[in-house]
Amino acid sequence: MMMKAAVIEKVGDLVVRDVPKPQVGDYDVLCELLYGATCTGTDQHLIGGRFPWPVTYPTILGHESVGRAVELGSKVRHFRVGDVISRVGTPAGPDGSYAVNWGGFAEFGIARDHWAMRADGLPPSAWRSYRVNQVIPPSIDPRAATMIITWRETLSYFNRMGAQRGDSVLVVGSGGNGLAFTVHASNAGASQVVVVGSDSRRAAGQAAGAHAYVDYRAADLNEQLSALQPGGFDFIIDSVGQSDSADNVLPFLRAGGIVGIYGVDDYSACRIRPHRARGTFTIFSGGYDEAETHHQVVEMILDGRLDARLWLDMDHVYPLDQIGAAFDAVRDRLFVKALVKLSNG
């Protein structure tokens, strides 16, 4: 059987075409994919040929999709038909005719019962990457649930950096990830959360919890940052990752502070010039583990500390066959992220 999927045929060429519907193995959960959200970083870099790691084209993109379980493999015991599951994607073509970069923009995808695989003695290489497949409570709108992926990744990164209540945090960037870090810092009780971003996102940054918002084009950017935190920020999080975006604000990190580069715009060409710092500092390189923050993120959604409406227009949903228009809308800054309806489920 065939299904529809969004395929990057070659750099710059995104189409929707038929690919084989995935087959169900012993530990597999076949899911009808419900909604996916666009990612300005990963997805746009894949389409534009700027992804900093090797990519085989054609490839199915999409890593922020949720699906509903419709069929269980014979050894699945931790999922049930009807469960809504996070981070579901279709596998690569069985004949090698296409690759996947997570494969979430398709009508059907596969989750795996990683708990059962581990308990049954399969090696970590077989199940570790499927820990992102987690059950989403039925009270959470599947449209909003597409944000769980961004929130889990960024919250794990933020937690691992070690920010505590009362710390000061400077966030560089006002895209989806920048707004997520802003919310996390605010929820953590940071004493000062400052965003350097696009002036068009000022209202969103303030709604996310920024105490101050500075236009990255401002002629007096340095003076504003100095006045906002004269002693320097405890943490700087660069959600953009352009070659100089972290280095440009390094002078505003306090001595002994921590800077992390999360964005991937110029991942292989980012530079930090230590002589510009106020003293010794740490470059965070601890990465993130999306699965480790799943339950924390779910709790924060349920108690209202994370609200998808800051990122998504929940009522403006693009059908899969119009996914190109969804990416156009994001590039035109109509939305922080765009919602795509992936099937009739």
C-alpha atoms as a PDB file:
ATOM      1  CA  MET A   1       0.000   0.000   0.000  1.00  0.00           C
ATOM      2  CA  MET A   2       1.082   3.569  -0.657  1.00  0.00           C
ATOM      3  CA  MET A   3       0.770   6.810   1.294  1.00  0.00           C
ATOM      4  CA  LYS A   4       1.624  10.479   0.853  1.00  0.00           C
ATOM      5  CA  ALA A   5       4.820  12.000   2.238  1.00  0.00           C
ATOM      6  CA  ALA A   6       6.715  15.275   1.908  1.00  0.00           C
ATOM      7  CA  VAL A   7       9.972  14.469   0.137  1.00  0.00           C
ATOM      8  CA  ILE A   8      12.942  16.717  -0.564  1.00  0.00           C
ATOM      9  CA  GLU A   9      13.859  15.307  -3.979  1.00  0.00           C
ATOM     10  CA  LYS A  10      16.987  17.450  -4.161  1.00  0.00           C
ATOM     11  CA  VAL A  11      18.171  20.642  -2.547  1.00  0.00           C
ATOM     12  CA  GLY A  12      15.417  23.244  -2.851  1.00  0.00           C
ATOM     13  CA  ASP A  13      12.823  20.836  -4.270  1.00  0.00           C
ATOM     14  CA  LEU A  14      10.135  19.817  -1.753  1.00  0.00           C
ATOM     15  CA  VAL A  15       7.267  17.741  -3.173  1.00  0.00           C
ATOM     16  CA  VAL A  16       4.462  15.548  -1.858  1.00  0.00           C
ATOM     17  CA  ARG A  17       4.441  12.129  -3.473  1.00  0.00           C
ATOM     18  CA  ASP A  18       3.540   8.504  -2.889  1.00  0.00           C
ATOM     19  CA  VAL A  19       5.850   6.266  -0.874  1.00  0.00           C
ATOM     20  CA  PRO A  20       5.227   2.794   0.592  1.00  0.00           C
ATOM     21  CA  LYS A  21       3.210   2.627   3.772  1.00  0.00           C
ATOM     22  CA  PRO A  22       5.497   1.209   6.494  1.00  0.00           C
ATOM     23  CA  GLN A  23       5.319  -2.439   7.474  1.00  0.00           C
ATOM     24  CA  VAL A  24       4.856  -3.420  11.126  1.00  0.00           C
ATOM     25  CA  GLY A  25       7.589  -5.403  12.880  1.00  0.00           C
ATOM     26  CA  ASP A  26       7.413  -7.189  16.225  1.00  0.00           C
ATOM     27  CA  TYR A  27       8.079  -4.113  18.386  1.00  0.00           C
ATOM     28  CA  ASP A  28       6.530  -1.583  15.999  1.00  0.00           C
ATOM     29  CA  VAL A  29       3.461   0.581  16.484  1.00  0.00           C
ATOM     30  CA  LEU A  30       1.897   1.730  13.228  1.00  0.00           C
ATOM     31  CA  CYS A  31       0.560   5.249  13.709  1.00  0.00           C
ATOM     32  CA  GLU A  32      -1.693   7.379  11.596  1.00  0.00           C
ATOM     33  CA  LEU A  33       0.137  10.674  11.751  1.00  0.00           C
ATOM     34  CA  LEU A  34      -2.103  13.508  12.890  1.00  0.00           C
ATOM     35  CA  TYR A  35      -0.207  16.811  12.932  1.00  0.00           C
ATOM     36  CA  GLY A  36       3.322  18.057  12.442  1.00  0.00           C
ATOM     37  CA  ALA A  37       4.941  21.419  13.071  1.00  0.00           C
ATOM     38  CA  THR A  38       7.565  23.028  10.872  1.00  0.00           C
ATOM     39  CA  CYS A  39      11.025  23.642  12.285  1.00  0.00           C
ATOM     40  CA  THR A  40      12.699  26.797  11.032  1.00  0.00           C
ATOM     41  CA  GLY A  41      16.121  25.395  11.856  1.00  0.00           C
ATOM     42  CA  THR A  42      16.332  21.720  10.918  1.00  0.00           C
ATOM     43  CA  ASP A  43      13.649  21.547   8.220  1.00  0.00           C
ATOM     44  CA  GLN A  44      14.669  24.750   6.448  1.00  0.00           C
ATOM     45  CA  HIS A  45      18.322  23.726   6.535  1.00  0.00           C
ATOM     46  CA  LEU A  46      17.479  20.345   5.042  1.00  0.00           C
ATOM     47  CA  ILE A  47      15.428  21.920   2.257  1.00  0.00           C
ATOM     48  CA  GLY A  48      18.073  24.534   1.540  1.00  0.00           C
ATOM     49  CA  GLY A  49      21.027  22.140   1.633  1.00  0.00           C
ATOM     50  CA  ARG A  50      22.548  23.843   4.689  1.00  0.00           C
ATOM     51  CA  PHE A  51      22.172  21.057   7.252  1.00  0.00           C
ATOM     52  CA  PRO A  52      25.537  20.697   9.032  1.00  0.00           C
ATOM     53  CA  TRP A  53      25.562  16.893   8.878  1.00  0.00           C
ATOM     54  CA  PRO A  54      25.544  14.626   5.798  1.00  0.00           C
ATOM     55  CA  VAL A  55      22.165  14.242   4.084  1.00  0.00           C
ATOM     56  CA  THR A  56      21.143  11.718   1.458  1.00  0.00           C
ATOM     57  CA  TYR A  57      18.507  12.967  -0.973  1.00  0.00           C
ATOM     58  CA  PRO A  58      15.701  12.268  -1.669  1.00  0.00           C
ATOM     59  CA  THR A  59      14.640  12.340   1.975  1.00  0.00           C
ATOM     60  CA  ILE A  60      11.434  12.668   3.978  1.00  0.00           C
ATOM     61  CA  LEU A  61      11.685  15.451   6.543  1.00  0.00           C
ATOM     62  CA  GLY A  62       9.739  16.247   9.698  1.00  0.00           C
ATOM     63  CA  HIS A  63      10.640  15.573  13.333  1.00  0.00           C
ATOM     64  CA  GLU A  64       7.821  17.316  15.224  1.00  0.00           C
ATOM     65  CA  SER A  65       4.922  15.001  14.389  1.00  0.00           C
ATOM     66  CA  VAL A  66       2.479  13.114  16.573  1.00  0.00           C
ATOM     67  CA  GLY A  67       0.487  10.051  15.598  1.00  0.00           C
ATOM     68  CA  ARG A  68      -2.306   7.816  16.821  1.00  0.00           C
ATOM     69  CA  ALA A  69      -1.596   4.094  17.205  1.00  0.00           C
ATOM     70  CA  VAL A  70      -3.649   1.984  14.812  1.00  0.00           C
ATOM     71  CA  GLU A  71      -1.794  -1.364  14.770  1.00  0.00           C
ATOM     72  CA  LEU A  72       0.549  -3.104  17.221  1.00  0.00           C
ATOM     73  CA  GLY A  73       3.367  -5.539  16.564  1.00  0.00           C
ATOM     74  CA  SER A  74       3.257  -8.925  18.269  1.00  0.00           C
ATOM     75  CA  LYS A  75       5.748  -7.963  21.021  1.00  0.00           C
ATOM     76  CA  VAL A  76       4.379  -4.516  21.843  1.00  0.00           C
ATOM     77  CA  ARG A  77       3.119  -4.279  25.422  1.00  0.00           C
ATOM     78  CA  HIS A  78       3.504  -0.633  26.498  1.00  0.00           C
ATOM     79  CA  PHE A  79       1.317   1.028  23.858  1.00  0.00           C
ATOM     80  CA  ARG A  80      -2.359   0.561  23.069  1.00  0.00           C
ATOM     81  CA  VAL A  81      -4.391   1.194  19.927  1.00  0.00           C
ATOM     82  CA  GLY A  82      -5.663   4.742  20.177  1.00  0.00           C
ATOM     83  CA  ASP A  83      -2.658   6.122  22.069  1.00  0.00           C
ATOM     84  CA  VAL A  84      -1.331   9.439  20.772  1.00  0.00           C
ATOM     85  CA  ILE A  85       2.447   9.154  20.570  1.00  0.00           C
ATOM     86  CA  SER A  86       5.182  11.748  20.234  1.00  0.00           C
ATOM     87  CA  ARG A  87       7.944  12.011  17.628  1.00  0.00           C
ATOM     88  CA  VAL A  88       6.635   9.450  15.144  1.00  0.00           C
ATOM     89  CA  GLY A  89       8.159   9.170  11.670  1.00  0.00           C
ATOM     90  CA  THR A  90       8.139   6.820   8.729  1.00  0.00           C
ATOM     91  CA  PRO A  91      11.262   4.706   8.061  1.00  0.00           C
ATOM     92  CA  ALA A  92      13.505   4.984   5.023  1.00  0.00           C
ATOM     93  CA  GLY A  93      12.468   3.330   1.793  1.00  0.00           C
ATOM     94  CA  PRO A  94      12.862  -0.464   1.950  1.00  0.00           C
ATOM     95  CA  ASP A  95      14.482  -0.458  -1.465  1.00  0.00           C
ATOM     96  CA  GLY A  96      16.813   2.443  -0.657  1.00  0.00           C
ATOM     97  CA  SER A  97      14.977   4.804  -3.011  1.00  0.00           C
ATOM     98  CA  TYR A  98      14.643   7.501  -0.355  1.00  0.00           C
ATOM     99  CA  ALA A  99      16.132   8.333   3.020  1.00  0.00           C
ATOM    100  CA  VAL A 100      14.480   9.976   5.998  1.00  0.00           C
ATOM    101  CA  ASN A 101      15.481  12.831   8.200  1.00  0.00           C
ATOM    102  CA  TRP A 102      13.075  11.652  10.879  1.00  0.00           C
ATOM    103  CA  GLY A 103      10.253  11.184   8.349  1.00  0.00           C
ATOM    104  CA  GLY A 104       7.475  12.890  10.286  1.00  0.00           C
ATOM    105  CA  PHE A 105       5.757  14.578   7.344  1.00  0.00           C
ATOM    106  CA  ALA A 106       3.866  11.548   6.078  1.00  0.00           C
ATOM    107  CA  GLU A 107       0.442   9.972   6.482  1.00  0.00           C
ATOM    108  CA  PHE A 108       1.718   7.012   8.518  1.00  0.00           C
ATOM    109  CA  GLY A 109       4.759   6.361  10.671  1.00  0.00           C
ATOM    110  CA  ILE A 110       6.294   3.920  13.107  1.00  0.00           C
ATOM    111  CA  ALA A 111       6.855   4.209  16.858  1.00  0.00           C
ATOM    112  CA  ARG A 112       8.638   1.444  18.755  1.00  0.00           C
ATOM    113  CA  ASP A 113       8.120  -0.112  22.145  1.00  0.00           C
ATOM    114  CA  HIS A 114      11.592   0.711  23.410  1.00  0.00           C
ATOM    115  CA  TRP A 115      10.706  -0.439  26.923  1.00  0.00           C
ATOM    116  CA  ALA A 116       9.889  -3.937  25.654  1.00  0.00           C
ATOM    117  CA  MET A 117      12.974  -4.008  23.424  1.00  0.00           C
ATOM    118  CA  ARG A 118      15.191  -3.162  26.380  1.00  0.00           C
ATOM    119  CA  ALA A 119      13.488  -5.662  28.684  1.00  0.00           C
ATOM    120  CA  ASP A 120      13.837  -8.386  26.049  1.00  0.00           C
ATOM    121  CA  GLY A 121      17.595  -7.876  25.855  1.00  0.00           C
ATOM    122  CA  LEU A 122      17.965  -6.034  22.562  1.00  0.00           C
ATOM    123  CA  PRO A 123      21.107  -3.875  22.414  1.00  0.00           C
ATOM    124  CA  PRO A 124      20.800  -0.155  23.179  1.00  0.00           C
ATOM    125  CA  SER A 125      21.595   0.647  19.545  1.00  0.00           C
ATOM    126  CA  ALA A 126      18.248  -0.923  18.608  1.00  0.00           C
ATOM    127  CA  TRP A 127      16.027   1.013  21.023  1.00  0.00           C
ATOM    128  CA  ARG A 128      17.831   4.091  22.350  1.00  0.00           C
ATOM    129  CA  SER A 129      16.704   6.486  19.608  1.00  0.00           C
ATOM    130  CA  TYR A 130      13.062   5.410  20.062  1.00  0.00           C
ATOM    131  CA  ARG A 131      12.886   6.664  23.646  1.00  0.00           C
ATOM    132  CA  VAL A 132      11.372   9.798  22.094  1.00  0.00           C
ATOM    133  CA  ASN A 133       8.205   7.760  21.408  1.00  0.00           C
ATOM    134  CA  GLN A 134       6.126   8.528  24.490  1.00  0.00           C
ATOM    135  CA  VAL A 135       2.386   8.477  25.180  1.00  0.00           C
ATOM    136  CA  ILE A 136       0.725  11.887  25.271  1.00  0.00           C
ATOM    137  CA  PRO A 137      -2.194  12.294  27.713  1.00  0.00           C
ATOM    138  CA  PRO A 138      -5.555  12.447  25.917  1.00  0.00           C
ATOM    139  CA  SER A 139      -6.337  15.819  27.518  1.00  0.00           C
ATOM    140  CA  ILE A 140      -3.588  17.461  25.435  1.00  0.00           C
ATOM    141  CA  ASP A 141      -4.732  18.683  22.010  1.00  0.00           C
ATOM    142  CA  PRO A 142      -2.742  16.795  19.316  1.00  0.00           C
ATOM    143  CA  ARG A 143      -2.137  20.105  17.551  1.00  0.00           C
ATOM    144  CA  ALA A 144      -0.487  21.534  20.649  1.00  0.00           C
ATOM    145  CA  ALA A 145       1.332  18.244  21.215  1.00  0.00           C
ATOM    146  CA  THR A 146       3.545  18.911  18.196  1.00  0.00           C
ATOM    147  CA  MET A 147       5.341  21.461  20.413  1.00  0.00           C
ATOM    148  CA  ILE A 148       6.360  18.749  22.871  1.00  0.00           C
ATOM    149  CA  ILE A 149       9.406  17.909  20.768  1.00  0.00           C
ATOM    150  CA  THR A 150      10.783  21.461  20.819  1.00  0.00           C
ATOM    151  CA  TRP A 151       9.970  21.866  24.503  1.00  0.00           C
ATOM    152  CA  ARG A 152      11.609  18.564  25.510  1.00  0.00           C
ATOM    153  CA  GLU A 153      14.801  19.250  23.574  1.00  0.00           C
ATOM    154  CA  THR A 154      15.246  22.815  24.781  1.00  0.00           C
ATOM    155  CA  LEU A 155      14.265  22.060  28.377  1.00  0.00           C
ATOM    156  CA  SER A 156      16.749  19.192  28.553  1.00  0.00           C
ATOM    157  CA  TYR A 157      19.473  21.490  27.205  1.00  0.00           C
ATOM    158  CA  PHE A 158      18.485  24.235  29.653  1.00  0.00           C
ATOM    159  CA  ASN A 159      18.414  21.870  32.637  1.00  0.00           C
ATOM    160  CA  ARG A 160      21.795  20.416  31.747  1.00  0.00           C
ATOM    161  CA  MET A 161      23.332  23.881  31.560  1.00  0.00           C
ATOM    162  CA  GLY A 162      22.539  24.153  35.265  1.00  0.00           C
ATOM    163  CA  ALA A 163      20.583  27.396  35.507  1.00  0.00           C
ATOM    164  CA  GLN A 164      18.999  27.920  38.920  1.00  0.00           C
ATOM    165  CA  ARG A 165      16.343  30.201  40.388  1.00  0.00           C
ATOM    166  CA  GLY A 166      17.737  33.704  40.624  1.00  0.00           C
ATOM    167  CA  ASP A 167      20.237  33.357  37.770  1.00  0.00           C
ATOM    168  CA  SER A 168      20.313  35.823  34.886  1.00  0.00           C
ATOM    169  CA  VAL A 169      19.876  34.487  31.348  1.00  0.00           C
ATOM    170  CA  LEU A 170      20.514  36.127  27.984  1.00  0.00           C
ATOM    171  CA  VAL A 171      18.786  34.393  25.056  1.00  0.00           C
ATOM    172  CA  VAL A 172      20.026  35.143  21.540  1.00  0.00           C
ATOM    173  CA  GLY A 173      17.297  34.594  18.952  1.00  0.00           C
ATOM    174  CA  SER A 174      13.542  34.931  18.852  1.00  0.00           C
ATOM    175  CA  GLY A 175      12.541  31.934  16.725  1.00  0.00           C
ATOM    176  CA  GLY A 176      10.815  28.846  18.041  1.00  0.00           C
ATOM    177  CA  ASN A 177      13.800  27.690  20.081  1.00  0.00           C
ATOM    178  CA  GLY A 178      14.640  31.149  21.392  1.00  0.00           C
ATOM    179  CA  LEU A 179      11.094  31.577  22.666  1.00  0.00           C
ATOM    180  CA  ALA A 180      11.255  28.113  24.249  1.00  0.00           C
ATOM    181  CA  PHE A 181      14.445  28.967  26.141  1.00  0.00           C
ATOM    182  CA  THR A 182      12.837  32.225  27.244  1.00  0.00           C
ATOM    183  CA  VAL A 183       9.832  30.379  28.682  1.00  0.00           C
ATOM    184  CA  HIS A 184      12.069  27.806  30.392  1.00  0.00           C
ATOM    185  CA  ALA A 185      14.192  30.516  32.007  1.00  0.00           C
ATOM    186  CA  SER A 186      11.087  32.339  33.176  1.00  0.00           C
ATOM    187  CA  ASN A 187       9.515  29.141  34.539  1.00  0.00           C
ATOM    188  CA  ALA A 188      12.777  28.339  36.350  1.00  0.00           C
ATOM    189  CA  GLY A 189      12.582  31.637  38.224  1.00  0.00           C
ATOM    190  CA  ALA A 190      15.455  33.466  36.553  1.00  0.00           C
ATOM    191  CA  SER A 191      15.965  36.905  38.063  1.00  0.00           C
ATOM    192  CA  GLN A 192      16.582  38.475  34.665  1.00  0.00           C
ATOM    193  CA  VAL A 193      15.628  37.060  31.260  1.00  0.00           C
ATOM    194  CA  VAL A 194      16.729  39.186  28.322  1.00  0.00           C
ATOM    195  CA  VAL A 195      16.132  38.343  24.662  1.00  0.00           C
ATOM    196  CA  VAL A 196      18.148  39.691  21.744  1.00  0.00           C
ATOM    197  CA  GLY A 197      15.948  39.112  18.716  1.00  0.00           C
ATOM    198  CA  SER A 198      13.961  40.460  15.817  1.00  0.00           C
ATOM    199  CA  ASP A 199      11.846  43.482  16.669  1.00  0.00           C
ATOM    200  CA  SER A 200       8.880  41.778  14.969  1.00  0.00           C
ATOM    201  CA  ARG A 201       8.903  39.158  17.750  1.00  0.00           C
ATOM    202  CA  ARG A 202       9.025  41.612  20.650  1.00  0.00           C
ATOM    203  CA  ALA A 203       5.455  40.886  21.782  1.00  0.00           C
ATOM    204  CA  ALA A 204       6.054  37.130  21.601  1.00  0.00           C
ATOM    205  CA  GLY A 205       9.268  37.445  23.604  1.00  0.00           C
ATOM    206  CA  GLN A 206       7.514  39.458  26.281  1.00  0.00           C
ATOM    207  CA  ALA A 207       4.649  36.956  26.382  1.00  0.00           C
ATOM    208  CA  ALA A 208       7.241  34.192  26.804  1.00  0.00           C
ATOM    209  CA  GLY A 209       8.490  35.864  29.966  1.00  0.00           C
ATOM    210  CA  ALA A 210      11.334  38.141  28.880  1.00  0.00           C
ATOM    211  CA  HIS A 211      11.973  40.927  31.370  1.00  0.00           C
ATOM    212  CA  ALA A 212      13.610  42.931  28.593  1.00  0.00           C
ATOM    213  CA  TYR A 213      13.771  42.588  24.817  1.00  0.00           C
ATOM    214  CA  VAL A 214      16.477  44.140  22.648  1.00  0.00           C
ATOM    215  CA  ASP A 215      16.333  44.449  18.853  1.00  0.00           C
ATOM    216  CA  TYR A 216      19.422  42.736  17.496  1.00  0.00           C
ATOM    217  CA  ARG A 217      19.740  45.542  14.936  1.00  0.00           C
ATOM    218  CA  ALA A 218      19.733  48.305  17.572  1.00  0.00           C
ATOM    219  CA  ALA A 219      22.641  50.712  17.194  1.00  0.00           C
ATOM    220  CA  ASP A 220      23.002  50.847  20.980  1.00  0.00           C
ATOM    221  CA  LEU A 221      22.712  47.079  21.536  1.00  0.00           C
ATOM    222  CA  ASN A 222      25.876  46.906  23.631  1.00  0.00           C
ATOM    223  CA  GLU A 223      24.866  49.843  25.786  1.00  0.00           C
ATOM    224  CA  GLN A 224      21.433  48.337  26.433  1.00  0.00           C
ATOM    225  CA  LEU A 225      22.863  44.966  27.470  1.00  0.00           C
ATOM    226  CA  SER A 226      25.427  46.599  29.745  1.00  0.00           C
ATOM    227  CA  ALA A 227      22.714  48.619  31.469  1.00  0.00           C
ATOM    228  CA  LEU A 228      20.374  45.646  31.846  1.00  0.00           C
ATOM    229  CA  GLN A 229      22.937  43.413  33.588  1.00  0.00           C
ATOM    230  CA  PRO A 230      25.997  45.437  34.608  1.00  0.00           C
ATOM    231  CA  GLY A 231      27.692  42.485  36.259  1.00  0.00           C
ATOM    232  CA  GLY A 232      27.186  40.232  33.265  1.00  0.00           C
ATOM    233  CA  PHE A 233      24.767  37.376  32.660  1.00  0.00           C
ATOM    234  CA  ASP A 234      25.174  34.026  34.370  1.00  0.00           C
ATOM    235  CA  PHE A 235      24.107  32.175  31.214  1.00  0.00           C
ATOM    236  CA  ILE A 236      24.032  32.972  27.506  1.00  0.00           C
ATOM    237  CA  ILE A 237      22.042  30.672  25.217  1.00  0.00           C
ATOM    238  CA  ASP A 238      22.554  31.186  21.482  1.00  0.00           C
ATOM    239  CA  SER A 239      19.504  29.677  19.807  1.00  0.00           C
ATOM    240  CA  VAL A 240      20.618  30.856  16.343  1.00  0.00           C
ATOM    241  CA  GLY A 241      24.128  29.510  15.908  1.00  0.00           C
ATOM    242  CA  GLN A 242      25.391  31.951  13.306  1.00  0.00           C
ATOM    243  CA  SER A 243      29.137  32.258  13.071  1.00  0.00           C
ATOM    244  CA  ASP A 244      29.399  35.260  15.398  1.00  0.00           C
ATOM    245  CA  SER A 245      26.058  35.339  17.228  1.00  0.00           C
ATOM    246  CA  ALA A 246      27.441  33.975  20.505  1.00  0.00           C
ATOM    247  CA  ASP A 247      30.775  35.758  20.199  1.00  0.00           C
ATOM    248  CA  ASN A 248      29.039  39.108  19.707  1.00  0.00           C
ATOM    249  CA  VAL A 249      27.484  38.907  23.168  1.00  0.00           C
ATOM    250  CA  LEU A 250      30.369  37.163  24.935  1.00  0.00           C
ATOM    251  CA  PRO A 251      31.477  40.436  26.595  1.00  0.00           C
ATOM    252  CA  PHE A 252      28.173  40.405  28.509  1.00  0.00           C
ATOM    253  CA  LEU A 253      28.790  37.033  30.170  1.00  0.00           C
ATOM    254  CA  ARG A 254      29.921  37.380  33.759  1.00  0.00           C
ATOM    255  CA  ALA A 255      33.286  35.959  34.788  1.00  0.00           C
ATOM    256  CA  GLY A 256      32.708  32.274  35.504  1.00  0.00           C
ATOM    257  CA  GLY A 257      29.516  32.198  33.421  1.00  0.00           C
ATOM    258  CA  ILE A 258      28.351  29.600  30.916  1.00  0.00           C
ATOM    259  CA  VAL A 259      27.611  30.028  27.206  1.00  0.00           C
ATOM    260  CA  GLY A 260      25.841  27.431  25.086  1.00  0.00           C
ATOM    261  CA  ILE A 261      25.418  27.382  21.300  1.00  0.00           C
ATOM    262  CA  TYR A 262      22.202  25.525  20.502  1.00  0.00           C
ATOM    263  CA  GLY A 263      21.416  26.833  17.007  1.00  0.00           C
ATOM    264  CA  VAL A 264      22.905  25.320  13.855  1.00  0.00           C
ATOM    265  CA  ASP A 265      22.830  28.114  11.269  1.00  0.00           C
ATOM    266  CA  ASP A 266      26.631  28.071  10.925  1.00  0.00           C
ATOM    267  CA  TYR A 267      27.307  25.117  13.173  1.00  0.00           C
ATOM    268  CA  SER A 268      30.694  24.195  11.739  1.00  0.00           C
ATOM    269  CA  ALA A 269      31.850  27.818  11.542  1.00  0.00           C
ATOM    270  CA  CYS A 270      30.826  29.205  14.940  1.00  0.00           C
ATOM    271  CA  ARG A 271      33.626  31.003  16.725  1.00  0.00           C
ATOM    272  CA  ILE A 272      34.290  32.179  20.238  1.00  0.00           C
ATOM    273  CA  ARG A 273      37.147  34.615  20.905  1.00  0.00           C
ATOM    274  CA  PRO A 274      38.028  34.140  24.583  1.00  0.00           C
ATOM    275  CA  HIS A 275      39.933  37.415  24.890  1.00  0.00           C
ATOM    276  CA  ARG A 276      36.598  39.249  24.571  1.00  0.00           C
ATOM    277  CA  ALA A 277      35.250  37.672  27.768  1.00  0.00           C
ATOM    278  CA  ARG A 278      35.333  39.271  31.218  1.00  0.00           C
ATOM    279  CA  GLY A 279      37.257  36.348  32.628  1.00  0.00           C
ATOM    280  CA  THR A 280      37.189  32.589  32.623  1.00  0.00           C
ATOM    281  CA  PHE A 281      34.009  30.989  31.333  1.00  0.00           C
ATOM    282  CA  THR A 282      32.605  27.622  30.302  1.00  0.00           C
ATOM    283  CA  ILE A 283      31.333  26.583  26.893  1.00  0.00           C
ATOM    284  CA  PHE A 284      28.481  24.158  27.458  1.00  0.00           C
ATOM    285  CA  SER A 285      28.611  21.086  25.227  1.00  0.00           C
ATOM    286  CA  GLY A 286      26.404  18.675  27.148  1.00  0.00           C
ATOM    287  CA  GLY A 287      23.726  18.416  24.469  1.00  0.00           C
ATOM    288  CA  TYR A 288      20.247  17.222  25.383  1.00  0.00           C
ATOM    289  CA  ASP A 289      18.244  14.044  25.819  1.00  0.00           C
ATOM    290  CA  GLU A 290      14.718  14.694  24.655  1.00  0.00           C
ATOM    291  CA  ALA A 291      13.227  11.705  26.438  1.00  0.00           C
ATOM    292  CA  GLU A 292      14.523  12.720  29.871  1.00  0.00           C
ATOM    293  CA  THR A 293      12.217  15.745  30.063  1.00  0.00           C
ATOM    294  CA  HIS A 294       9.029  14.191  28.662  1.00  0.00           C
ATOM    295  CA  HIS A 295       7.178  13.912  31.953  1.00  0.00           C
ATOM    296  CA  GLN A 296       8.347  17.338  33.086  1.00  0.00           C
ATOM    297  CA  VAL A 297       7.065  18.916  29.865  1.00  0.00           C
ATOM    298  CA  VAL A 298       3.715  17.114  30.086  1.00  0.00           C
ATOM    299  CA  GLU A 299       3.278  18.372  33.651  1.00  0.00           C
ATOM    300  CA  MET A 300       4.087  21.919  32.549  1.00  0.00           C
ATOM    301  CA  ILE A 301       1.536  21.734  29.721  1.00  0.00           C
ATOM    302  CA  LEU A 302      -1.167  20.455  32.025  1.00  0.00           C
ATOM    303  CA  ASP A 303      -0.601  23.173  34.615  1.00  0.00           C
ATOM    304  CA  GLY A 304      -0.457  25.950  32.004  1.00  0.00           C
ATOM    305  CA  ARG A 305       3.234  26.817  32.138  1.00  0.00           C
ATOM    306  CA  LEU A 306       3.687  25.854  28.473  1.00  0.00           C
ATOM    307  CA  ASP A 307       1.137  27.139  25.954  1.00  0.00           C
ATOM    308  CA  ALA A 308       1.483  26.177  22.297  1.00  0.00           C
ATOM    309  CA  ARG A 309      -0.446  29.240  21.151  1.00  0.00           C
ATOM    310  CA  LEU A 310       2.673  31.347  21.609  1.00  0.00           C
ATOM    311  CA  TRP A 311       4.240  29.415  18.708  1.00  0.00           C
ATOM    312  CA  LEU A 312       1.284  28.097  16.702  1.00  0.00           C
ATOM    313  CA  ASP A 313      -1.914  29.441  15.187  1.00  0.00           C
ATOM    314  CA  MET A 314      -4.011  26.467  16.211  1.00  0.00           C
ATOM    315  CA  ASP A 315      -6.788  27.355  13.782  1.00  0.00           C
ATOM    316  CA  HIS A 316      -4.594  27.850  10.708  1.00  0.00           C
ATOM    317  CA  VAL A 317      -3.625  24.359   9.631  1.00  0.00           C
ATOM    318  CA  TYR A 318      -2.115  23.425   6.262  1.00  0.00           C
ATOM    319  CA  PRO A 319      -2.983  20.094   4.632  1.00  0.00           C
ATOM    320  CA  LEU A 320      -0.013  17.897   3.786  1.00  0.00           C
ATOM    321  CA  ASP A 321      -0.295  18.617   0.070  1.00  0.00           C
ATOM    322  CA  GLN A 322       0.196  22.335   0.844  1.00  0.00           C
ATOM    323  CA  ILE A 323       3.265  21.906   3.029  1.00  0.00           C
ATOM    324  CA  GLY A 324       5.272  24.156   0.734  1.00  0.00           C
ATOM    325  CA  ALA A 325       2.891  27.005   1.556  1.00  0.00           C
ATOM    326  CA  ALA A 326       3.413  26.294   5.268  1.00  0.00           C
ATOM    327  CA  PHE A 327       7.154  26.772   4.903  1.00  0.00           C
ATOM    328  CA  ASP A 328       6.596  29.902   2.811  1.00  0.00           C
ATOM    329  CA  ALA A 329       4.443  31.342   5.592  1.00  0.00           C
ATOM    330  CA  VAL A 330       7.165  30.682   8.160  1.00  0.00           C
ATOM    331  CA  ARG A 331       9.823  32.251   5.924  1.00  0.00           C
ATOM    332  CA  ASP A 332       7.532  35.278   5.556  1.00  0.00           C
ATOM    333  CA  ARG A 333       7.294  35.385   9.375  1.00  0.00           C
ATOM    334  CA  LEU A 334       3.527  34.961   9.396  1.00  0.00           C
ATOM    335  CA  PHE A 335       3.974  32.302  12.087  1.00  0.00           C
ATOM    336  CA  VAL A 336       6.742  31.196  14.422  1.00  0.00           C
ATOM    337  CA  LYS A 337       5.897  27.630  13.407  1.00  0.00           C
ATOM    338  CA  ALA A 338       3.223  26.332  11.037  1.00  0.00           C
ATOM    339  CA  LEU A 339       0.901  23.401  11.658  1.00  0.00           C
ATOM    340  CA  VAL A 340       0.481  20.683   9.029  1.00  0.00           C
ATOM    341  CA  LYS A 341      -2.385  18.176   9.072  1.00  0.00           C
ATOM    342  CA  LEU A 342      -0.892  14.906   7.950  1.00  0.00           C
ATOM    343  CA  SER A 343      -3.857  12.568   7.503  1.00  0.00           C
ATOM    344  CA  ASN A 344      -7.603  12.363   7.966  1.00  0.00           C
ATOM    345  CA  GLY A 345      -7.242  11.061  11.524  1.00  0.00           C
END
